[in-house]
N, C-alpha and C. Protein backbone atom coordinates (compact mmCIF):
# COMPACT_ATOMS: atom_id res chain seq x y z
N UNK A 1 -8.60 -14.39 8.92
CA UNK A 1 -7.51 -13.64 9.52
C UNK A 1 -6.72 -12.94 8.42
N UNK A 2 -6.46 -11.66 8.62
CA UNK A 2 -5.79 -10.87 7.58
C UNK A 2 -4.29 -11.21 7.51
N UNK A 3 -3.70 -10.80 6.42
CA UNK A 3 -2.27 -11.03 6.20
C UNK A 3 -1.46 -10.34 7.29
N UNK A 4 -1.78 -9.07 7.54
CA UNK A 4 -1.01 -8.28 8.51
C UNK A 4 -1.13 -8.87 9.91
N UNK A 5 -2.31 -9.34 10.29
CA UNK A 5 -2.46 -9.91 11.63
C UNK A 5 -1.61 -11.17 11.80
N UNK A 6 -1.33 -11.86 10.71
CA UNK A 6 -0.50 -13.07 10.78
C UNK A 6 0.99 -12.75 10.90
N UNK A 7 1.42 -11.63 10.33
CA UNK A 7 2.86 -11.33 10.34
C UNK A 7 3.26 -10.27 11.37
N UNK A 8 2.28 -9.63 11.99
CA UNK A 8 2.55 -8.55 12.94
C UNK A 8 3.49 -8.98 14.06
N UNK A 9 3.32 -10.18 14.57
CA UNK A 9 4.13 -10.64 15.70
C UNK A 9 5.59 -10.90 15.33
N UNK A 10 5.91 -10.92 14.04
CA UNK A 10 7.28 -11.16 13.58
C UNK A 10 8.01 -9.86 13.23
N UNK A 11 7.42 -8.72 13.57
CA UNK A 11 8.00 -7.42 13.23
C UNK A 11 9.45 -7.25 13.67
N UNK A 12 9.79 -7.79 14.80
CA UNK A 12 11.15 -7.61 15.32
C UNK A 12 12.15 -8.60 14.71
N UNK A 13 11.67 -9.55 13.95
CA UNK A 13 12.53 -10.54 13.29
C UNK A 13 12.99 -9.95 11.95
N UNK A 14 14.18 -9.35 11.95
CA UNK A 14 14.67 -8.63 10.78
C UNK A 14 14.85 -9.54 9.56
N UNK A 15 15.30 -10.76 9.79
CA UNK A 15 15.48 -11.70 8.69
C UNK A 15 14.16 -12.08 8.04
N UNK A 16 13.17 -12.32 8.88
CA UNK A 16 11.83 -12.67 8.40
C UNK A 16 11.25 -11.52 7.57
N UNK A 17 11.37 -10.30 8.08
CA UNK A 17 10.85 -9.13 7.37
C UNK A 17 11.61 -8.91 6.06
N UNK A 18 12.90 -9.15 6.06
CA UNK A 18 13.69 -9.02 4.82
C UNK A 18 13.23 -10.04 3.78
N UNK A 19 12.94 -11.26 4.24
CA UNK A 19 12.44 -12.28 3.32
C UNK A 19 11.09 -11.87 2.73
N UNK A 20 10.21 -11.29 3.55
CA UNK A 20 8.92 -10.83 3.04
C UNK A 20 9.09 -9.72 2.00
N UNK A 21 10.05 -8.83 2.23
CA UNK A 21 10.31 -7.76 1.25
C UNK A 21 10.76 -8.33 -0.09
N UNK A 22 11.39 -9.47 -0.08
CA UNK A 22 11.82 -10.10 -1.33
C UNK A 22 10.62 -10.47 -2.20
N UNK A 23 9.46 -10.62 -1.59
CA UNK A 23 8.25 -10.92 -2.36
C UNK A 23 7.85 -9.81 -3.31
N UNK A 24 8.43 -8.62 -3.14
CA UNK A 24 8.13 -7.48 -4.01
C UNK A 24 9.01 -7.43 -5.25
N UNK A 25 10.05 -8.26 -5.26
CA UNK A 25 11.02 -8.24 -6.36
C UNK A 25 10.89 -9.54 -7.15
N UNK A 26 10.51 -9.44 -8.42
CA UNK A 26 10.23 -10.66 -9.19
C UNK A 26 11.32 -11.73 -9.14
N UNK A 27 12.59 -11.37 -9.28
CA UNK A 27 13.62 -12.40 -9.31
C UNK A 27 14.07 -12.83 -7.91
N UNK A 28 13.48 -12.28 -6.86
CA UNK A 28 13.78 -12.72 -5.49
C UNK A 28 12.55 -13.24 -4.78
N UNK A 29 11.44 -13.32 -5.47
CA UNK A 29 10.17 -13.71 -4.87
C UNK A 29 10.25 -15.08 -4.17
N UNK A 30 11.08 -15.96 -4.70
CA UNK A 30 11.22 -17.30 -4.13
C UNK A 30 11.70 -17.26 -2.67
N UNK A 31 12.41 -16.20 -2.29
CA UNK A 31 12.90 -16.08 -0.91
C UNK A 31 11.77 -15.77 0.07
N UNK A 32 10.65 -15.25 -0.44
CA UNK A 32 9.51 -14.92 0.42
C UNK A 32 8.64 -16.15 0.70
N UNK A 33 8.72 -17.16 -0.13
CA UNK A 33 7.83 -18.31 0.02
C UNK A 33 7.93 -19.00 1.38
N UNK A 34 9.14 -19.28 1.90
CA UNK A 34 9.20 -19.92 3.23
C UNK A 34 8.59 -19.04 4.33
N UNK A 35 8.81 -17.73 4.24
CA UNK A 35 8.27 -16.82 5.26
C UNK A 35 6.74 -16.79 5.18
N UNK A 36 6.20 -16.72 3.98
CA UNK A 36 4.75 -16.73 3.82
C UNK A 36 4.15 -18.04 4.32
N UNK A 37 4.81 -19.13 4.00
CA UNK A 37 4.35 -20.44 4.45
C UNK A 37 4.39 -20.56 5.98
N UNK A 38 5.41 -19.97 6.58
CA UNK A 38 5.58 -20.02 8.04
C UNK A 38 4.38 -19.43 8.77
N UNK A 39 3.71 -18.44 8.16
CA UNK A 39 2.55 -17.83 8.79
C UNK A 39 1.24 -18.29 8.12
N UNK A 40 1.31 -19.44 7.46
CA UNK A 40 0.15 -20.09 6.85
C UNK A 40 -0.55 -19.24 5.80
N UNK A 41 0.23 -18.59 4.95
CA UNK A 41 -0.32 -17.85 3.82
C UNK A 41 -0.03 -18.62 2.54
N UNK A 42 -0.99 -18.68 1.67
CA UNK A 42 -0.86 -19.38 0.40
C UNK A 42 0.19 -18.67 -0.45
N UNK A 43 1.25 -19.37 -0.80
CA UNK A 43 2.33 -18.74 -1.57
C UNK A 43 1.93 -18.53 -3.03
N UNK A 44 0.86 -19.16 -3.47
CA UNK A 44 0.40 -18.98 -4.85
C UNK A 44 -0.47 -17.74 -5.01
N UNK A 45 -0.86 -17.11 -3.90
CA UNK A 45 -1.68 -15.90 -3.93
C UNK A 45 -0.77 -14.68 -3.96
N UNK A 46 -0.67 -14.02 -5.11
CA UNK A 46 0.22 -12.87 -5.25
C UNK A 46 -0.13 -11.72 -4.32
N UNK A 47 -1.38 -11.63 -3.94
CA UNK A 47 -1.80 -10.56 -3.02
C UNK A 47 -1.14 -10.75 -1.66
N UNK A 48 -1.01 -11.99 -1.22
CA UNK A 48 -0.32 -12.27 0.05
C UNK A 48 1.11 -11.74 0.02
N UNK A 49 1.82 -12.04 -1.06
CA UNK A 49 3.21 -11.59 -1.18
C UNK A 49 3.29 -10.08 -1.25
N UNK A 50 2.35 -9.45 -1.96
CA UNK A 50 2.36 -7.99 -2.10
C UNK A 50 2.12 -7.31 -0.76
N UNK A 51 1.04 -7.64 -0.09
CA UNK A 51 0.69 -6.97 1.17
C UNK A 51 1.74 -7.27 2.24
N UNK A 52 2.20 -8.50 2.32
CA UNK A 52 3.23 -8.84 3.30
C UNK A 52 4.52 -8.07 3.02
N UNK A 53 4.89 -7.96 1.75
CA UNK A 53 6.10 -7.22 1.38
C UNK A 53 5.98 -5.73 1.67
N UNK A 54 4.80 -5.18 1.39
CA UNK A 54 4.58 -3.76 1.68
C UNK A 54 4.64 -3.51 3.19
N UNK A 55 4.00 -4.38 3.95
CA UNK A 55 4.02 -4.24 5.41
C UNK A 55 5.45 -4.37 5.95
N UNK A 56 6.20 -5.31 5.41
CA UNK A 56 7.58 -5.49 5.85
C UNK A 56 8.45 -4.29 5.49
N UNK A 57 8.08 -3.58 4.44
CA UNK A 57 8.80 -2.38 4.02
C UNK A 57 8.53 -1.22 4.97
N UNK A 58 7.27 -1.08 5.37
CA UNK A 58 6.85 0.03 6.24
C UNK A 58 5.75 -0.45 7.19
N UNK A 59 6.12 -1.02 8.33
CA UNK A 59 5.13 -1.64 9.21
C UNK A 59 4.31 -0.68 10.10
N UNK A 60 4.40 0.61 9.84
CA UNK A 60 3.59 1.55 10.62
C UNK A 60 2.16 1.50 10.08
N UNK A 61 1.24 1.08 10.94
CA UNK A 61 -0.13 0.86 10.47
C UNK A 61 -1.15 1.65 11.27
N UNK A 62 -2.31 1.80 10.66
CA UNK A 62 -3.45 2.50 11.25
C UNK A 62 -4.69 1.69 10.90
N UNK A 63 -5.77 1.87 11.61
CA UNK A 63 -6.95 1.05 11.35
C UNK A 63 -8.09 1.81 10.66
N UNK A 64 -7.79 2.98 10.10
CA UNK A 64 -8.84 3.73 9.39
C UNK A 64 -8.26 4.32 8.11
N UNK A 65 -9.17 4.67 7.21
CA UNK A 65 -8.75 5.30 5.97
C UNK A 65 -8.37 4.30 4.89
N UNK A 66 -8.11 4.85 3.71
CA UNK A 66 -7.68 4.02 2.59
C UNK A 66 -6.45 4.67 1.95
N UNK A 67 -6.01 4.13 0.85
CA UNK A 67 -4.77 4.61 0.24
C UNK A 67 -4.94 6.03 -0.30
N UNK A 68 -6.16 6.43 -0.63
CA UNK A 68 -6.41 7.80 -1.06
C UNK A 68 -6.13 8.79 0.05
N UNK A 69 -6.57 8.47 1.26
CA UNK A 69 -6.30 9.34 2.41
C UNK A 69 -4.81 9.36 2.74
N UNK A 70 -4.18 8.22 2.61
CA UNK A 70 -2.73 8.16 2.84
C UNK A 70 -2.01 9.09 1.86
N UNK A 71 -2.40 9.03 0.59
CA UNK A 71 -1.76 9.89 -0.42
C UNK A 71 -2.04 11.36 -0.16
N UNK A 72 -3.23 11.70 0.31
CA UNK A 72 -3.54 13.09 0.62
C UNK A 72 -2.66 13.59 1.76
N UNK A 73 -2.44 12.75 2.76
CA UNK A 73 -1.56 13.12 3.88
C UNK A 73 -0.13 13.27 3.39
N UNK A 74 0.31 12.38 2.51
CA UNK A 74 1.65 12.48 1.92
C UNK A 74 1.77 13.81 1.19
N UNK A 75 0.75 14.14 0.39
CA UNK A 75 0.78 15.39 -0.37
C UNK A 75 0.90 16.59 0.58
N UNK A 76 0.14 16.58 1.64
CA UNK A 76 0.18 17.69 2.59
C UNK A 76 1.57 17.85 3.20
N UNK A 77 2.16 16.74 3.61
CA UNK A 77 3.47 16.81 4.27
C UNK A 77 4.61 17.03 3.27
N UNK A 78 4.50 16.43 2.11
CA UNK A 78 5.59 16.47 1.14
C UNK A 78 5.54 17.71 0.25
N UNK A 79 4.33 18.08 -0.13
CA UNK A 79 4.18 19.17 -1.09
C UNK A 79 3.61 20.43 -0.44
N UNK A 80 3.59 20.48 0.89
CA UNK A 80 3.14 21.67 1.59
C UNK A 80 1.67 21.98 1.47
N UNK A 81 0.84 20.98 1.38
CA UNK A 81 -0.59 21.20 1.27
C UNK A 81 -1.07 21.46 -0.14
N UNK A 82 -0.20 21.92 -0.99
CA UNK A 82 -0.44 22.13 -2.41
C UNK A 82 -1.78 22.79 -2.71
N UNK A 83 -1.78 24.10 -2.78
CA UNK A 83 -2.99 24.84 -3.09
C UNK A 83 -2.95 25.53 -4.44
N UNK A 84 -1.93 25.30 -5.23
CA UNK A 84 -1.83 25.96 -6.54
C UNK A 84 -2.69 25.22 -7.57
N UNK A 85 -2.77 25.80 -8.74
CA UNK A 85 -3.56 25.19 -9.82
C UNK A 85 -2.82 24.06 -10.51
N UNK A 86 -1.53 23.96 -10.29
CA UNK A 86 -0.73 22.89 -10.91
C UNK A 86 -0.90 21.60 -10.13
N UNK A 87 -0.64 20.50 -10.79
CA UNK A 87 -0.72 19.20 -10.15
C UNK A 87 0.56 18.97 -9.37
N UNK A 88 0.43 18.56 -8.12
CA UNK A 88 1.60 18.29 -7.29
C UNK A 88 2.23 16.96 -7.72
N UNK A 89 3.50 16.75 -7.40
CA UNK A 89 4.13 15.46 -7.72
C UNK A 89 3.39 14.27 -7.08
N UNK A 90 2.90 14.47 -5.87
CA UNK A 90 2.18 13.38 -5.20
C UNK A 90 0.85 13.11 -5.90
N UNK A 91 0.17 14.17 -6.31
CA UNK A 91 -1.10 13.99 -7.03
C UNK A 91 -0.88 13.27 -8.35
N UNK A 92 0.21 13.62 -9.05
CA UNK A 92 0.52 12.93 -10.30
C UNK A 92 0.79 11.45 -10.05
N UNK A 93 1.53 11.15 -9.01
CA UNK A 93 1.81 9.75 -8.67
C UNK A 93 0.51 9.03 -8.32
N UNK A 94 -0.39 9.71 -7.61
CA UNK A 94 -1.67 9.12 -7.26
C UNK A 94 -2.51 8.88 -8.52
N UNK A 95 -2.50 9.81 -9.45
CA UNK A 95 -3.22 9.61 -10.71
C UNK A 95 -2.66 8.42 -11.48
N UNK A 96 -1.35 8.24 -11.45
CA UNK A 96 -0.75 7.06 -12.09
C UNK A 96 -1.22 5.78 -11.42
N UNK A 97 -1.35 5.81 -10.09
CA UNK A 97 -1.87 4.64 -9.38
C UNK A 97 -3.28 4.31 -9.87
N UNK A 98 -4.10 5.34 -10.02
CA UNK A 98 -5.48 5.14 -10.47
C UNK A 98 -5.57 4.68 -11.92
N UNK A 99 -4.52 4.86 -12.68
CA UNK A 99 -4.50 4.43 -14.08
C UNK A 99 -4.07 2.97 -14.24
N UNK A 100 -3.79 2.29 -13.15
CA UNK A 100 -3.34 0.89 -13.20
C UNK A 100 -4.43 0.01 -13.81
N UNK A 101 -4.04 -0.78 -14.78
CA UNK A 101 -4.98 -1.69 -15.43
C UNK A 101 -4.75 -3.15 -15.08
N UNK A 102 -3.63 -3.44 -14.46
CA UNK A 102 -3.32 -4.83 -14.15
C UNK A 102 -2.77 -4.92 -12.72
N UNK A 103 -2.75 -6.12 -12.21
CA UNK A 103 -2.20 -6.34 -10.88
C UNK A 103 -0.72 -5.94 -10.84
N UNK A 104 0.02 -6.24 -11.90
CA UNK A 104 1.45 -5.90 -11.95
C UNK A 104 1.65 -4.38 -11.88
N UNK A 105 0.87 -3.63 -12.64
CA UNK A 105 0.97 -2.17 -12.58
C UNK A 105 0.60 -1.65 -11.20
N UNK A 106 -0.50 -2.14 -10.67
CA UNK A 106 -0.96 -1.72 -9.35
C UNK A 106 0.11 -2.01 -8.30
N UNK A 107 0.70 -3.19 -8.35
CA UNK A 107 1.73 -3.57 -7.39
C UNK A 107 2.91 -2.62 -7.43
N UNK A 108 3.43 -2.37 -8.62
CA UNK A 108 4.59 -1.48 -8.76
C UNK A 108 4.29 -0.07 -8.27
N UNK A 109 3.11 0.41 -8.54
CA UNK A 109 2.75 1.77 -8.12
C UNK A 109 2.47 1.84 -6.63
N UNK A 110 1.91 0.79 -6.06
CA UNK A 110 1.69 0.76 -4.61
C UNK A 110 3.02 0.74 -3.85
N UNK A 111 4.01 0.05 -4.39
CA UNK A 111 5.33 0.02 -3.75
C UNK A 111 5.85 1.45 -3.62
N UNK A 112 5.72 2.24 -4.67
CA UNK A 112 6.20 3.63 -4.62
C UNK A 112 5.42 4.46 -3.61
N UNK A 113 4.11 4.24 -3.53
CA UNK A 113 3.28 4.99 -2.57
C UNK A 113 3.69 4.63 -1.14
N UNK A 114 3.91 3.35 -0.87
CA UNK A 114 4.30 2.92 0.48
C UNK A 114 5.67 3.47 0.83
N UNK A 115 6.58 3.52 -0.13
CA UNK A 115 7.90 4.11 0.13
C UNK A 115 7.77 5.61 0.44
N UNK A 116 6.85 6.29 -0.22
CA UNK A 116 6.62 7.71 0.08
C UNK A 116 6.02 7.86 1.48
N UNK A 117 5.10 6.97 1.86
CA UNK A 117 4.52 7.01 3.20
C UNK A 117 5.60 6.75 4.25
N UNK A 118 6.50 5.83 3.95
CA UNK A 118 7.60 5.55 4.88
C UNK A 118 8.49 6.77 5.04
N UNK A 119 8.80 7.44 3.96
CA UNK A 119 9.67 8.62 4.01
C UNK A 119 9.06 9.74 4.84
N UNK A 120 7.72 9.82 4.83
CA UNK A 120 7.03 10.86 5.60
C UNK A 120 6.54 10.34 6.96
N UNK A 121 6.83 9.07 7.27
CA UNK A 121 6.42 8.43 8.53
C UNK A 121 4.89 8.45 8.71
N UNK A 122 4.19 8.09 7.65
CA UNK A 122 2.73 8.08 7.64
C UNK A 122 2.25 6.63 7.73
N UNK A 123 1.33 6.38 8.65
CA UNK A 123 0.78 5.04 8.84
C UNK A 123 -0.15 4.68 7.68
N UNK A 124 -0.25 3.38 7.41
CA UNK A 124 -1.05 2.86 6.30
C UNK A 124 -2.05 1.84 6.86
N UNK A 125 -3.25 1.85 6.32
CA UNK A 125 -4.26 0.86 6.70
C UNK A 125 -4.10 -0.36 5.79
N UNK A 126 -3.26 -1.29 6.21
CA UNK A 126 -2.95 -2.46 5.37
C UNK A 126 -4.12 -3.42 5.24
N UNK A 127 -4.94 -3.53 6.27
CA UNK A 127 -6.08 -4.44 6.17
C UNK A 127 -7.06 -3.94 5.12
N UNK A 128 -7.30 -2.65 5.09
CA UNK A 128 -8.17 -2.06 4.05
C UNK A 128 -7.51 -2.20 2.69
N UNK A 129 -6.20 -1.98 2.63
CA UNK A 129 -5.49 -2.11 1.37
C UNK A 129 -5.61 -3.53 0.82
N UNK A 130 -5.49 -4.52 1.69
CA UNK A 130 -5.66 -5.91 1.26
C UNK A 130 -7.05 -6.12 0.68
N UNK A 131 -8.07 -5.65 1.37
CA UNK A 131 -9.45 -5.78 0.87
C UNK A 131 -9.61 -5.08 -0.48
N UNK A 132 -9.06 -3.89 -0.59
CA UNK A 132 -9.18 -3.13 -1.84
C UNK A 132 -8.47 -3.81 -3.00
N UNK A 133 -7.30 -4.37 -2.76
CA UNK A 133 -6.58 -5.06 -3.83
C UNK A 133 -7.35 -6.32 -4.26
N UNK A 134 -7.93 -7.02 -3.30
CA UNK A 134 -8.74 -8.20 -3.65
C UNK A 134 -9.97 -7.79 -4.47
N UNK A 135 -10.59 -6.67 -4.11
CA UNK A 135 -11.74 -6.17 -4.88
C UNK A 135 -11.30 -5.76 -6.29
N UNK A 136 -10.12 -5.16 -6.40
CA UNK A 136 -9.58 -4.79 -7.70
C UNK A 136 -9.45 -6.03 -8.60
N UNK A 137 -8.93 -7.11 -8.05
CA UNK A 137 -8.75 -8.35 -8.81
C UNK A 137 -10.10 -8.95 -9.16
N UNK A 138 -11.01 -8.98 -8.21
CA UNK A 138 -12.30 -9.66 -8.41
C UNK A 138 -13.27 -8.86 -9.27
N UNK A 139 -13.38 -7.54 -9.02
CA UNK A 139 -14.44 -6.76 -9.66
C UNK A 139 -13.95 -5.71 -10.64
N UNK A 140 -12.65 -5.47 -10.70
CA UNK A 140 -12.14 -4.42 -11.56
C UNK A 140 -11.84 -3.17 -10.76
N UNK A 141 -11.33 -2.19 -11.45
CA UNK A 141 -10.79 -1.03 -10.76
C UNK A 141 -11.81 0.04 -10.39
N UNK A 142 -12.94 0.09 -11.04
CA UNK A 142 -13.84 1.22 -10.89
C UNK A 142 -14.26 1.52 -9.46
N UNK A 143 -14.80 0.55 -8.76
CA UNK A 143 -15.27 0.79 -7.39
C UNK A 143 -14.17 1.15 -6.42
N UNK A 144 -13.09 0.42 -6.48
CA UNK A 144 -11.96 0.66 -5.57
C UNK A 144 -11.32 2.00 -5.84
N UNK A 145 -11.04 2.27 -7.09
CA UNK A 145 -10.35 3.51 -7.43
C UNK A 145 -11.23 4.73 -7.20
N UNK A 146 -12.54 4.58 -7.38
CA UNK A 146 -13.46 5.69 -7.10
C UNK A 146 -13.44 6.03 -5.62
N UNK A 147 -13.38 5.01 -4.79
CA UNK A 147 -13.29 5.22 -3.33
C UNK A 147 -11.98 5.93 -2.97
N UNK A 148 -10.88 5.49 -3.55
CA UNK A 148 -9.58 6.13 -3.30
C UNK A 148 -9.59 7.57 -3.78
N UNK A 149 -10.11 7.79 -4.98
CA UNK A 149 -10.14 9.14 -5.54
C UNK A 149 -11.01 10.06 -4.70
N UNK A 150 -12.13 9.56 -4.25
CA UNK A 150 -13.01 10.36 -3.40
C UNK A 150 -12.30 10.74 -2.10
N UNK A 151 -11.58 9.81 -1.54
CA UNK A 151 -10.85 10.09 -0.30
C UNK A 151 -9.73 11.10 -0.53
N UNK A 152 -9.13 11.06 -1.70
CA UNK A 152 -8.02 11.99 -1.99
C UNK A 152 -8.54 13.39 -2.30
N UNK A 153 -9.49 13.51 -3.20
CA UNK A 153 -9.90 14.84 -3.66
C UNK A 153 -11.03 15.46 -2.84
N UNK A 154 -11.81 14.66 -2.13
CA UNK A 154 -12.88 15.21 -1.29
C UNK A 154 -12.47 15.28 0.17
N UNK A 155 -11.26 14.89 0.45
CA UNK A 155 -10.77 14.79 1.81
C UNK A 155 -10.32 16.16 2.31
N UNK A 156 -10.58 16.42 3.57
CA UNK A 156 -10.03 17.63 4.17
C UNK A 156 -8.53 17.45 4.30
N UNK A 157 -7.81 18.54 4.29
CA UNK A 157 -6.37 18.44 4.43
C UNK A 157 -6.03 17.97 5.83
N UNK A 158 -4.84 17.48 6.01
CA UNK A 158 -4.39 17.00 7.31
C UNK A 158 -4.47 18.12 8.35
N UNK A 159 -4.23 19.36 7.94
CA UNK A 159 -4.27 20.48 8.86
C UNK A 159 -5.70 20.72 9.36
N UNK A 160 -6.70 20.61 8.46
CA UNK A 160 -8.08 20.81 8.83
C UNK A 160 -8.58 19.73 9.76
N UNK A 161 -8.02 18.53 9.63
CA UNK A 161 -8.41 17.42 10.53
C UNK A 161 -7.94 17.73 11.94
């Protein structure tokens, strides 16, 4: 059972969701432990705290796509489709995400991406994100980031879809 499927039913519990968001802040992470435990998630697994905190930050979800497609949609809405030769701010942020070498870097950069998705009211595939973060930890960044990059740069624009 995925992290999101365990916490989805608590969406309307503002206190619970606030506690999960604390899992994203190093000096407040201890406040997320009771909430994670309440839904039978291992509090020693940092991925649980990350995905639960991201979901609690922006619970609008979708069941397809990956974070690369999410970033492409953000770029389209935020940067007007960006057809110039210069790198858009969203593309630069996405490149920084792909440059993550550690779980800590990846976590911090994902928080910013999710906040951008929230600002543009774009749904996120959290179940896929959970799988991708686990693959990043287990196998390294190459496979996961290549998939994200392919979705971002080979993806049709939101308008073409």
